Protein backbone atom coordinates (compact mmCIF):
# COMPACT_ATOMS: atom_id res chain seq x y z
CA MET A 1 -158.52 102.13 22.31
CA PRO A 2 -159.30 105.61 19.98
CA SER A 3 -162.35 105.16 17.57
CA LYS A 4 -159.87 105.54 14.41
CA ILE A 5 -158.24 102.57 15.34
CA LYS A 6 -161.23 100.91 16.32
CA LEU A 7 -162.63 101.27 13.00
CA LEU A 8 -159.41 101.04 11.27
CA TRP A 9 -158.89 97.77 13.30
CA VAL A 10 -163.02 96.48 12.35
CA ALA A 11 -162.40 97.63 8.29
CA CYS A 12 -158.71 95.31 8.84
CA ILE A 13 -160.86 92.30 10.16
CA LEU A 14 -163.84 92.86 7.44
CA VAL A 15 -161.46 93.49 4.50
CA ILE A 16 -159.78 89.65 5.71
CA PHE A 17 -163.22 88.33 6.06
CA PHE A 18 -164.40 89.12 2.87
CA GLY A 19 -161.20 88.65 0.87
CA PHE A 20 -161.03 84.79 2.43
CA ILE A 21 -164.72 84.54 1.22
CA TYR A 22 -163.85 85.71 -2.51
CA PHE A 23 -160.67 83.44 -2.54
CA SER A 24 -162.58 80.90 -1.32
CA MET A 25 -165.53 81.11 -3.76
CA LEU A 26 -162.31 82.00 -6.78
CA GLY A 27 -161.28 78.45 -5.36
CA GLN A 28 -164.79 76.47 -5.73
CA ILE A 29 -165.07 77.73 -8.91
CA ASP A 30 -161.64 76.52 -10.48
CA VAL A 31 -162.56 73.37 -8.64
CA ALA A 32 -166.16 72.87 -10.58
CA ARG A 33 -164.55 74.25 -14.02
CA GLN A 34 -161.58 71.56 -13.28
CA LYS A 35 -164.56 68.63 -12.56
CA GLY A 36 -166.83 70.18 -15.74
CA GLU A 37 -163.29 69.84 -17.92
CA ALA A 38 -162.64 66.32 -16.32
CA ARG A 39 -166.27 65.39 -17.05
CA ALA A 40 -166.43 66.66 -20.52
CA THR A 41 -163.42 64.85 -21.50
CA GLN A 42 -164.57 61.61 -20.13
CA LYS A 43 -167.83 61.95 -21.90
CA SER A 44 -166.31 62.79 -24.96
CA ARG A 45 -163.77 59.61 -24.53
CA LEU A 46 -167.02 57.60 -23.62
CA ASP A 47 -168.62 58.74 -27.05
CA GLU A 48 -165.29 57.89 -29.10
CA LYS A 49 -165.82 54.48 -27.49
CA GLN A 50 -168.97 54.07 -28.45
CA LYS A 51 -168.38 55.02 -31.99
CA GLU A 52 -165.69 52.72 -32.49
CA LYS A 53 -167.98 49.76 -30.79
CA LYS A 54 -170.86 50.31 -33.48
CA GLN A 55 -168.40 50.59 -36.17
CA LYS A 56 -167.02 47.47 -34.89
CA ASN A 57 -170.31 45.94 -34.78
CA LYS A 58 -171.74 47.34 -37.62
CA GLY A 59 -172.70 44.53 -39.97
CA ARG A 60 -171.06 41.95 -38.64
CA THR A 61 -171.81 38.52 -38.59
CA PHE A 62 -173.38 36.54 -35.80
CA LYS A 63 -172.20 33.37 -34.42
CA VAL A 64 -175.51 32.49 -34.40
CA ASP A 65 -178.31 32.63 -37.39
CA PRO A 66 -180.26 35.86 -35.68
CA ILE A 67 -183.68 34.49 -37.98
CA LYS A 68 -183.20 31.12 -36.08
CA GLU A 69 -183.02 32.88 -32.81
CA ILE A 70 -186.20 34.71 -33.62
CA LYS A 71 -187.76 31.68 -34.78
CA GLU A 72 -187.02 29.90 -31.60
CA LEU A 73 -188.49 32.60 -29.55
CA ASN A 74 -191.76 32.66 -31.43
CA ALA A 75 -192.25 29.24 -31.28
CA LEU A 76 -192.11 28.92 -27.62
CA GLY A 77 -194.13 32.06 -26.92
CA LYS A 78 -191.63 34.47 -26.22
CA TYR A 79 -192.92 37.26 -28.90
CA GLU A 80 -191.89 40.13 -27.00
CA GLU A 81 -188.54 39.18 -26.29
CA ALA A 82 -188.47 38.27 -30.72
CA VAL A 83 -189.41 42.05 -31.22
CA LYS A 84 -186.36 43.02 -28.88
CA TYR A 85 -184.20 40.75 -30.63
CA ALA A 86 -184.82 41.49 -33.77
CA GLU A 87 -184.88 45.41 -33.00
CA GLY A 88 -181.29 44.81 -32.16
CA VAL A 89 -179.91 42.92 -34.72
CA ALA A 90 -181.36 45.44 -37.05
CA THR A 91 -180.11 48.48 -35.55
CA LEU A 92 -177.12 46.60 -36.20
CA ASN A 93 -177.15 45.37 -39.60
CA PRO A 94 -180.01 47.62 -41.13
CA ASP A 95 -179.72 46.40 -44.54
CA ARG A 96 -180.67 43.40 -43.75
CA ALA A 97 -184.02 42.98 -45.34
CA ARG A 98 -184.70 39.56 -43.99
CA ILE A 99 -184.39 40.59 -40.30
CA TYR A 100 -187.37 43.34 -41.04
CA THR A 101 -189.36 40.63 -42.40
CA TRP A 102 -189.05 38.31 -39.19
CA TRP A 103 -189.04 41.79 -37.06
CA GLY A 104 -192.62 42.00 -38.51
CA ILE A 105 -193.75 38.24 -37.87
CA SER A 106 -193.21 38.49 -34.22
CA LEU A 107 -194.77 42.16 -34.43
CA VAL A 108 -198.25 40.35 -35.58
CA LYS A 109 -197.74 37.39 -33.00
CA ALA A 110 -197.46 40.51 -29.86
CA GLY A 111 -200.53 41.65 -31.77
CA LYS A 112 -198.75 44.92 -33.06
CA ARG A 113 -200.23 44.82 -36.92
CA SER A 114 -199.81 48.36 -37.54
CA GLU A 115 -195.71 48.35 -36.26
CA ALA A 116 -195.27 45.01 -38.30
CA ILE A 117 -197.04 46.26 -41.86
CA GLU A 118 -194.09 49.00 -41.53
CA LYS A 119 -191.31 46.71 -41.44
CA PHE A 120 -192.82 44.49 -44.10
CA VAL A 121 -192.74 47.89 -46.14
CA ARG A 122 -189.07 48.68 -45.27
CA ALA A 123 -188.14 44.51 -46.10
CA ASP A 124 -189.64 45.38 -49.24
CA GLU A 125 -187.64 48.29 -50.01
CA LEU A 126 -184.34 46.52 -49.35
CA ASP A 127 -184.99 43.41 -51.19
CA GLN A 128 -188.13 42.07 -53.30
CA THR A 129 -187.16 38.73 -53.88
CA TYR A 130 -187.98 37.24 -50.23
CA ALA A 131 -191.23 35.20 -50.77
CA LYS A 132 -191.97 35.29 -46.88
CA THR A 133 -191.77 38.87 -46.59
CA TYR A 134 -195.13 39.19 -49.09
CA LEU A 135 -197.08 36.02 -47.26
CA SER A 136 -196.43 37.48 -43.81
CA TRP A 137 -197.46 41.08 -45.20
CA GLY A 138 -200.57 39.41 -46.84
CA LEU A 139 -201.38 37.66 -43.68
CA THR A 140 -201.50 40.71 -41.90
CA LEU A 141 -203.26 42.61 -44.23
CA ALA A 142 -206.13 40.03 -44.27
CA MET A 143 -206.19 39.92 -40.16
CA ASP A 144 -206.89 43.76 -40.87
CA GLY A 145 -209.94 42.94 -43.41
CA LYS A 146 -207.57 44.15 -46.45
CA VAL A 147 -208.61 41.07 -48.47
CA LYS A 148 -207.89 42.56 -51.82
CA GLU A 149 -204.51 44.13 -50.71
CA ALA A 150 -203.50 40.64 -49.15
CA MET A 151 -204.25 39.27 -52.35
CA GLU A 152 -201.92 41.43 -53.99
CA LYS A 153 -199.03 39.86 -51.28
CA TYR A 154 -200.06 36.27 -52.00
CA GLN A 155 -199.58 37.04 -55.64
CA LYS A 156 -196.19 38.27 -55.47
CA ALA A 157 -195.19 35.12 -53.08
CA VAL A 158 -196.58 32.75 -55.99
CA GLU A 159 -194.42 34.80 -58.38
CA LEU A 160 -191.54 34.41 -56.38
CA LYS A 161 -191.98 30.98 -54.93
CA PRO A 162 -194.54 28.96 -57.20
CA GLU A 163 -194.21 25.76 -54.98
CA SER A 164 -195.02 27.39 -51.79
CA SER A 165 -198.47 25.49 -50.54
CA ASN A 166 -199.35 28.24 -48.18
CA ALA A 167 -199.22 31.11 -50.67
CA TYR A 168 -201.76 29.15 -52.36
CA ALA A 169 -203.54 28.14 -49.87
CA TYR A 170 -203.74 31.67 -48.30
CA TRP A 171 -204.75 33.21 -51.93
CA GLY A 172 -207.58 30.55 -52.22
CA ALA A 173 -208.97 31.37 -48.57
CA ALA A 174 -209.10 35.29 -49.62
CA LEU A 175 -210.80 34.59 -52.70
CA GLY A 176 -213.32 32.41 -50.53
CA GLN A 177 -213.28 35.53 -48.60
CA LEU A 178 -214.91 37.47 -51.47
CA ASN A 179 -216.97 34.56 -52.65
CA GLN A 180 -215.08 33.93 -55.96
CA HIS A 181 -215.20 30.58 -54.74
CA ALA A 182 -214.52 28.73 -58.60
CA GLN A 183 -211.16 30.96 -58.09
CA ALA A 184 -210.82 29.56 -54.80
CA VAL A 185 -211.28 26.16 -55.63
CA GLU A 186 -208.54 26.46 -58.27
CA LYS A 187 -205.86 28.15 -56.04
CA LEU A 188 -206.68 25.38 -52.93
CA GLU A 189 -206.43 22.22 -55.23
CA ARG A 190 -203.46 23.99 -56.45
CA ALA A 191 -202.03 23.92 -52.86
CA LEU A 192 -202.56 20.44 -52.24
CA GLU A 193 -200.71 19.36 -55.13
CA ILE A 194 -197.63 20.08 -53.76
CA ASN A 195 -198.16 19.72 -50.25
CA PRO A 196 -201.21 17.07 -50.19
CA LYS A 197 -200.97 17.18 -45.70
CA ASN A 198 -201.02 21.21 -45.82
CA ALA A 199 -203.85 21.37 -43.05
CA ASN A 200 -204.19 25.16 -44.03
CA VAL A 201 -206.13 24.09 -46.92
CA PHE A 202 -208.86 21.28 -46.59
CA GLY A 203 -211.40 23.30 -44.29
CA VAL A 204 -211.77 26.25 -46.81
CA LEU A 205 -211.65 24.10 -49.84
CA ILE A 206 -214.53 22.41 -48.24
CA ASP A 207 -216.46 25.53 -47.73
CA SER A 208 -215.71 26.59 -51.51
CA LEU A 209 -216.62 23.42 -52.91
CA PHE A 210 -219.87 23.49 -50.56
CA HIS A 211 -220.83 27.36 -52.25
CA GLN A 212 -219.99 25.74 -55.74
CA LYS A 213 -222.42 22.85 -55.16
CA MET A 214 -219.71 20.25 -55.85
CA TYR A 215 -220.61 18.31 -52.89
CA GLY A 216 -219.55 14.86 -53.77
CA GLN A 217 -215.85 16.52 -54.04
CA ALA A 218 -216.24 18.30 -50.68
CA TRP A 219 -216.37 14.73 -49.42
CA ASN A 220 -213.75 13.47 -51.36
CA THR A 221 -211.86 16.42 -49.81
CA VAL A 222 -212.92 15.34 -46.22
CA LYS A 223 -211.48 11.96 -46.93
CA LYS A 224 -208.21 13.60 -47.87
CA ALA A 225 -208.34 15.20 -44.68
CA ARG A 226 -209.07 12.35 -42.56
CA GLU A 227 -205.91 10.40 -44.50
CA ALA A 228 -203.51 13.93 -43.79
CA LYS A 229 -205.02 13.93 -40.03
CA VAL A 230 -206.75 16.95 -40.28
CA THR A 231 -209.50 17.70 -38.50
CA ILE A 232 -212.61 19.65 -40.31
CA ALA A 233 -215.41 21.55 -37.87
CA GLU A 234 -218.33 19.38 -37.10
CA SER A 235 -220.45 22.46 -38.52
CA SER A 236 -218.71 21.49 -41.83
CA LEU A 237 -219.71 18.47 -41.91
CA LYS A 238 -222.60 18.77 -40.74
CA ARG A 239 -223.91 21.38 -42.91
CA LEU A 240 -222.28 19.23 -45.94
CA ALA A 241 -224.34 16.14 -44.46
CA ASP A 242 -227.67 17.85 -44.41
CA VAL A 243 -227.77 18.32 -48.17
CA PHE A 244 -225.76 15.55 -49.55
CA PRO A 245 -224.96 12.57 -46.84
CA GLU A 246 -221.45 11.36 -47.12
CA PRO A 247 -221.39 8.58 -49.70
CA SER A 248 -221.00 4.79 -48.68
CA GLY A 249 -217.41 3.37 -49.14
């Protein structure tokens, strides 16, 4: 075969070969483009559906009371589940203050007090009429040793709910921690007036009465505790008996 013809033949083969590769690449690019467009269209549709779903669910009324559900989860010791459930409800209902309160309570039980404070702050921003927010907020502050700040929250709780025995009980306990025992006795006795069987009161009231050297009243409180079937720490009873034996009768 003459050299020129041979070269021409090789050139034709190369043109055909590279042409095949070129058009093959164009085809692959076109397929990739079509797939990309299809994915983009699908994503757009999914995004639209998600928006519609969120809009539909926003502010929805739950068949089951969400706060009741959170309380039950906490009662069962399922604190992390309660936290996640409350978070989900708050996402759908961002303006429901009481959800934030119970979210905070669940976080406290889960040992996440700093996060809980954030939820109480948010609840306060949304609604300043729910005593439970301030009572729980105060307890959380007290756990962190911020007793004076805690008392401000207890006072707010009492203002909102004057018949809250626990609000007076925790306020009195905080006063006792600050060695303000006279004021503590006043709050704690008020707590018992509201609820004579409040187990949160007796121990701290006996302690404050002891520090006030009101031993007779302290033993009278012990008697009331026994009637209410509330156990008083043996150390408190012994300390009281050492300075003032229990009256007979």
